[in-house]
Amino acid sequence: MTTTPAKAKEESLLPPKVMTALTMVASGTSFDDAAECVGMSGRALRKWRKHRDANEFIESARQTYKANH
């Protein structure tokens, strides 16, 4: 069985609460405030920023935010 790029991407998704917090960060909220809103520490959220999908997710969220505001 071969793994398609889409399947590999699905396996590396960020958890929903991390995506929510990173979306908030992309719109200008501080890491600490965004983390608190989803029930995690700022330190934990900063660690998630090192995840291989985090930078791409944040950039995409920033572009979406800019397009809508």
Protein backbone atom coordinates (compact mmCIF):
# COMPACT_ATOMS: atom_id res chain seq x y z
CA MET A 1 0.00 0.00 0.00
CA THR A 2 1.37 3.40 -0.93
CA THR A 3 0.77 6.57 1.03
CA THR A 4 -0.51 9.52 -0.95
CA PRO A 5 0.58 13.04 -0.01
CA ALA A 6 -2.96 13.82 1.17
CA LYS A 7 -2.92 10.78 3.46
CA ALA A 8 0.49 11.73 4.87
CA LYS A 9 -0.84 15.25 5.51
CA GLU A 10 -3.87 13.86 7.37
CA GLU A 11 -1.58 11.93 9.70
CA SER A 12 0.31 15.06 10.72
CA LEU A 13 -2.58 17.39 11.47
CA LEU A 14 -2.48 19.58 14.54
CA PRO A 15 -5.04 18.95 17.31
CA PRO A 16 -8.19 21.09 17.03
CA LYS A 17 -7.48 23.19 20.12
CA VAL A 18 -3.96 23.91 18.87
CA MET A 19 -5.34 24.96 15.48
CA THR A 20 -7.82 27.24 17.24
CA ALA A 21 -5.10 28.84 19.34
CA LEU A 22 -2.75 29.24 16.36
CA THR A 23 -5.56 30.86 14.38
CA MET A 24 -5.95 33.36 17.20
CA VAL A 25 -2.19 34.00 17.17
CA ALA A 26 -2.33 34.57 13.41
CA SER A 27 -4.98 37.24 13.96
CA GLY A 28 -2.86 39.10 16.50
CA THR A 29 -3.63 37.46 19.84
CA SER A 30 -0.61 36.71 22.03
CA PHE A 31 0.50 33.11 22.48
CA ASP A 32 -0.35 33.27 26.19
CA ASP A 33 -3.84 34.67 25.65
CA ALA A 34 -4.63 32.28 22.81
CA ALA A 35 -3.41 29.31 24.83
CA GLU A 36 -5.47 30.35 27.85
CA CYS A 37 -8.60 30.55 25.67
CA VAL A 38 -8.26 26.90 24.67
CA GLY A 39 -7.18 25.62 28.08
CA MET A 40 -3.46 25.15 27.65
CA SER A 41 -0.33 26.98 28.71
CA GLY A 42 1.51 29.46 26.56
CA ARG A 43 4.58 27.30 26.89
CA ALA A 44 2.75 24.25 25.52
CA LEU A 45 1.42 26.27 22.58
CA ARG A 46 4.92 27.55 21.79
CA LYS A 47 6.12 23.93 21.71
CA TRP A 48 3.39 23.11 19.20
CA ARG A 49 4.73 25.91 17.01
CA LYS A 50 7.72 23.65 16.32
CA HIS A 51 5.42 21.00 14.80
CA ARG A 52 6.09 20.46 11.12
CA ASP A 53 2.65 21.74 10.11
CA ALA A 54 2.44 24.74 12.43
CA ASN A 55 4.20 27.39 10.33
CA GLU A 56 2.23 26.52 7.21
CA PHE A 57 -1.00 26.56 9.24
CA ILE A 58 -0.20 29.94 10.82
CA GLU A 59 0.69 31.48 7.46
CA SER A 60 -2.52 30.18 5.92
CA ALA A 61 -4.54 31.54 8.84
CA ARG A 62 -2.81 34.93 8.50
CA GLN A 63 -3.66 35.10 4.81
CA THR A 64 -7.28 34.23 5.53
CA TYR A 65 -7.45 36.82 8.30
CA LYS A 66 -5.96 39.53 6.07
CA ALA A 67 -8.35 38.68 3.25
CA ASN A 68 -11.35 39.03 5.55
CA HIS A 69 -10.31 42.19 7.42
